[in-house]
Each structure stands twice: as structure tokens, then as C-alpha cells.
N, C-alpha and C. Protein backbone atom coordinates (compact mmCIF):
# COMPACT_ATOMS: atom_id res chain seq x y z
N MET A 1 -47.83 -80.80 51.13
CA MET A 1 -47.76 -82.17 50.69
C MET A 1 -48.04 -83.07 51.90
N GLU A 2 -48.87 -84.10 51.69
CA GLU A 2 -49.21 -84.98 52.79
C GLU A 2 -48.78 -86.40 52.45
N PHE A 3 -48.22 -87.08 53.44
CA PHE A 3 -47.73 -88.43 53.22
C PHE A 3 -48.10 -89.26 54.43
N GLY A 4 -48.99 -90.23 54.25
CA GLY A 4 -49.39 -91.11 55.34
C GLY A 4 -49.94 -90.35 56.54
N GLY A 5 -50.68 -89.28 56.30
CA GLY A 5 -51.24 -88.51 57.40
C GLY A 5 -50.29 -87.48 57.98
N LEU A 6 -49.03 -87.49 57.54
CA LEU A 6 -48.04 -86.53 58.03
C LEU A 6 -47.92 -85.38 57.04
N LEU A 7 -47.88 -84.20 57.55
CA LEU A 7 -47.69 -83.04 56.68
C LEU A 7 -46.20 -82.87 56.44
N MET A 8 -45.80 -82.88 55.17
CA MET A 8 -44.39 -82.75 54.82
C MET A 8 -44.18 -81.40 54.15
N THR A 9 -43.18 -80.70 54.59
CA THR A 9 -42.88 -79.42 53.96
C THR A 9 -41.89 -79.62 52.83
N LYS A 10 -42.09 -78.87 51.77
CA LYS A 10 -41.22 -78.95 50.61
C LYS A 10 -39.98 -78.11 50.88
N PRO A 11 -38.79 -78.62 50.56
CA PRO A 11 -37.56 -77.84 50.77
C PRO A 11 -37.56 -76.57 49.93
N ASN A 12 -36.85 -75.57 50.40
CA ASN A 12 -36.70 -74.34 49.65
C ASN A 12 -35.47 -74.49 48.75
N TYR A 13 -35.69 -74.97 47.54
CA TYR A 13 -34.60 -75.30 46.63
C TYR A 13 -33.73 -74.09 46.29
N LYS A 14 -34.36 -72.94 46.17
CA LYS A 14 -33.61 -71.74 45.78
C LYS A 14 -32.61 -71.31 46.84
N ASN A 15 -32.86 -71.67 48.10
CA ASN A 15 -31.91 -71.33 49.17
C ASN A 15 -30.80 -72.36 49.31
N MET A 16 -30.93 -73.49 48.63
CA MET A 16 -29.89 -74.52 48.69
C MET A 16 -28.77 -74.12 47.71
N ASN A 17 -27.53 -74.41 48.10
CA ASN A 17 -26.46 -74.22 47.12
C ASN A 17 -26.46 -75.44 46.20
N ARG A 18 -25.65 -75.39 45.18
CA ARG A 18 -25.64 -76.45 44.17
C ARG A 18 -25.33 -77.81 44.79
N ALA A 19 -24.38 -77.86 45.71
CA ALA A 19 -23.99 -79.13 46.34
C ALA A 19 -25.15 -79.70 47.17
N GLU A 20 -25.84 -78.85 47.91
CA GLU A 20 -26.97 -79.30 48.72
C GLU A 20 -28.10 -79.81 47.83
N LEU A 21 -28.35 -79.10 46.76
CA LEU A 21 -29.41 -79.51 45.84
C LEU A 21 -29.06 -80.84 45.16
N LYS A 22 -27.80 -81.00 44.81
CA LYS A 22 -27.35 -82.26 44.20
C LYS A 22 -27.55 -83.41 45.18
N GLU A 23 -27.19 -83.20 46.43
CA GLU A 23 -27.37 -84.23 47.47
C GLU A 23 -28.85 -84.58 47.63
N TYR A 24 -29.71 -83.57 47.64
CA TYR A 24 -31.15 -83.80 47.74
C TYR A 24 -31.64 -84.64 46.55
N LEU A 25 -31.17 -84.30 45.35
CA LEU A 25 -31.63 -84.99 44.15
C LEU A 25 -31.18 -86.45 44.09
N LEU A 26 -30.11 -86.78 44.76
CA LEU A 26 -29.66 -88.18 44.77
C LEU A 26 -30.71 -89.11 45.38
N SER A 27 -31.50 -88.59 46.32
CA SER A 27 -32.54 -89.42 46.93
C SER A 27 -33.95 -89.02 46.51
N ASN A 28 -34.08 -87.99 45.68
CA ASN A 28 -35.38 -87.52 45.21
C ASN A 28 -35.33 -87.28 43.71
N ARG A 29 -34.98 -88.30 42.97
CA ARG A 29 -34.72 -88.17 41.54
C ARG A 29 -35.93 -87.78 40.71
N ASN A 30 -37.13 -87.95 41.22
CA ASN A 30 -38.33 -87.63 40.46
C ASN A 30 -38.88 -86.24 40.74
N ASP A 31 -38.18 -85.45 41.52
CA ASP A 31 -38.65 -84.11 41.88
C ASP A 31 -38.30 -83.14 40.74
N GLN A 32 -39.24 -82.94 39.85
CA GLN A 32 -39.00 -82.13 38.65
C GLN A 32 -38.69 -80.68 38.98
N GLU A 33 -39.33 -80.13 40.00
CA GLU A 33 -39.05 -78.74 40.37
C GLU A 33 -37.61 -78.58 40.84
N ALA A 34 -37.13 -79.54 41.62
CA ALA A 34 -35.74 -79.50 42.11
C ALA A 34 -34.77 -79.60 40.94
N TRP A 35 -35.05 -80.49 39.96
CA TRP A 35 -34.19 -80.61 38.79
C TRP A 35 -34.14 -79.31 38.01
N SER A 36 -35.29 -78.69 37.86
CA SER A 36 -35.36 -77.43 37.12
C SER A 36 -34.48 -76.37 37.76
N ILE A 37 -34.55 -76.25 39.07
CA ILE A 37 -33.73 -75.26 39.78
C ILE A 37 -32.26 -75.64 39.73
N PHE A 38 -31.96 -76.94 39.81
CA PHE A 38 -30.57 -77.40 39.72
C PHE A 38 -29.96 -76.98 38.38
N PHE A 39 -30.70 -77.22 37.29
CA PHE A 39 -30.19 -76.85 35.97
C PHE A 39 -30.11 -75.34 35.80
N GLU A 40 -31.01 -74.63 36.43
CA GLU A 40 -30.94 -73.16 36.41
C GLU A 40 -29.65 -72.69 37.09
N LYS A 41 -29.31 -73.32 38.22
CA LYS A 41 -28.07 -72.96 38.91
C LYS A 41 -26.85 -73.31 38.05
N LEU A 42 -26.91 -74.43 37.34
CA LEU A 42 -25.80 -74.80 36.46
C LEU A 42 -25.61 -73.79 35.35
N SER A 43 -26.69 -73.22 34.88
CA SER A 43 -26.60 -72.25 33.78
C SER A 43 -25.94 -70.95 34.23
N HIS A 44 -25.82 -70.76 35.53
CA HIS A 44 -25.19 -69.54 36.05
C HIS A 44 -23.72 -69.72 36.39
N LEU A 45 -23.13 -70.83 35.97
CA LEU A 45 -21.71 -71.06 36.23
C LEU A 45 -20.88 -70.09 35.41
N ASP A 46 -19.76 -69.71 35.95
CA ASP A 46 -18.82 -68.85 35.24
C ASP A 46 -18.30 -69.62 34.03
N GLN A 47 -18.46 -69.07 32.85
CA GLN A 47 -18.05 -69.75 31.61
C GLN A 47 -16.55 -70.00 31.57
N ASN A 48 -15.76 -69.17 32.23
CA ASN A 48 -14.31 -69.30 32.19
C ASN A 48 -13.78 -70.36 33.17
N THR A 49 -14.41 -70.47 34.33
CA THR A 49 -13.90 -71.40 35.33
C THR A 49 -14.75 -72.64 35.50
N GLY A 50 -16.04 -72.55 35.21
CA GLY A 50 -16.94 -73.68 35.42
C GLY A 50 -17.40 -73.80 36.85
N TYR A 51 -17.03 -72.83 37.69
CA TYR A 51 -17.41 -72.87 39.10
C TYR A 51 -18.49 -71.85 39.38
N SER A 52 -19.30 -72.15 40.34
CA SER A 52 -20.39 -71.26 40.73
C SER A 52 -19.94 -70.28 41.79
N SER A 53 -20.58 -69.14 41.82
CA SER A 53 -20.25 -68.14 42.83
C SER A 53 -20.81 -68.50 44.20
N ASP A 54 -21.60 -69.59 44.30
CA ASP A 54 -22.15 -69.96 45.59
C ASP A 54 -21.24 -70.89 46.39
N LEU A 55 -20.02 -71.12 45.90
CA LEU A 55 -19.07 -71.94 46.65
C LEU A 55 -18.50 -71.14 47.81
N SER A 56 -18.35 -71.81 48.94
CA SER A 56 -17.74 -71.15 50.09
C SER A 56 -16.24 -70.96 49.83
N SER A 57 -15.62 -70.10 50.59
CA SER A 57 -14.18 -69.87 50.41
C SER A 57 -13.40 -71.16 50.69
N GLU A 58 -13.88 -71.97 51.62
CA GLU A 58 -13.21 -73.24 51.92
C GLU A 58 -13.31 -74.19 50.72
N GLU A 59 -14.49 -74.26 50.09
CA GLU A 59 -14.66 -75.10 48.91
C GLU A 59 -13.78 -74.62 47.76
N MET A 60 -13.70 -73.31 47.57
CA MET A 60 -12.85 -72.76 46.51
C MET A 60 -11.38 -73.08 46.78
N GLU A 61 -10.97 -72.93 48.03
CA GLU A 61 -9.58 -73.23 48.40
C GLU A 61 -9.25 -74.69 48.09
N ASN A 62 -10.16 -75.59 48.44
CA ASN A 62 -9.95 -77.01 48.16
C ASN A 62 -9.86 -77.28 46.66
N LEU A 63 -10.70 -76.61 45.88
CA LEU A 63 -10.64 -76.76 44.42
C LEU A 63 -9.29 -76.30 43.88
N PHE A 64 -8.84 -75.13 44.35
CA PHE A 64 -7.56 -74.61 43.88
C PHE A 64 -6.41 -75.54 44.27
N LYS A 65 -6.43 -76.06 45.48
CA LYS A 65 -5.37 -76.98 45.92
C LYS A 65 -5.36 -78.23 45.05
N THR A 66 -6.55 -78.75 44.74
CA THR A 66 -6.64 -79.94 43.89
C THR A 66 -6.07 -79.65 42.50
N LYS A 67 -6.45 -78.51 41.93
CA LYS A 67 -5.94 -78.13 40.60
C LYS A 67 -4.42 -77.95 40.63
N LEU A 68 -3.91 -77.31 41.67
CA LEU A 68 -2.46 -77.11 41.77
C LEU A 68 -1.73 -78.43 41.88
N ASN A 69 -2.29 -79.36 42.65
CA ASN A 69 -1.67 -80.68 42.78
C ASN A 69 -1.66 -81.41 41.44
N GLN A 70 -2.73 -81.27 40.66
CA GLN A 70 -2.79 -81.90 39.35
C GLN A 70 -1.72 -81.32 38.42
N ILE A 71 -1.53 -80.01 38.48
CA ILE A 71 -0.53 -79.35 37.64
C ILE A 71 0.87 -79.80 38.04
N ASN A 72 1.12 -79.90 39.34
CA ASN A 72 2.44 -80.31 39.82
C ASN A 72 2.77 -81.76 39.47
N LEU A 73 1.76 -82.58 39.31
CA LEU A 73 1.99 -83.99 38.97
C LEU A 73 2.27 -84.18 37.49
N GLU A 74 1.91 -83.23 36.66
CA GLU A 74 2.08 -83.36 35.21
C GLU A 74 3.50 -83.09 34.78
């Protein structure tokens, strides 16, 4: 891809985790290939938890802490 005489490389969407791809899409909303891969990643979510297996252990820990805090407040 060329832009104003500069050669721009296309990101490797498949190597991005869901959060990285979402961040990319916030500023590149017209990138249809990126959207397609984003929705493909969403389709691979665990039906029971709604979470993806590409979350880091730190991200999972934060999710669990948030859920536990919500339960304790109820």
C-alpha cells in the first residue's frame, strides 16, 4: 500500500489479539479485512464464558476480580 509516496505495510491482523485488533479498528473503521478477522475472532469465544482464549493470564485475573467484586456488591 502506498500513501503520499511512502510505502505503508499492512498490519498482520491474525497475529493481533482481540484487544489489539479492536484498538486498531477504532482508528481504521473502514478496513474491511480487519473487521472480518475481528468478527472471526469473536466467533471463537467460549460459549459458556464469553471470553477468548487469547487473553493473557493478567487480563483473565482482572476479569475474575471484577466479576467477584460485582458478586460481593450484590
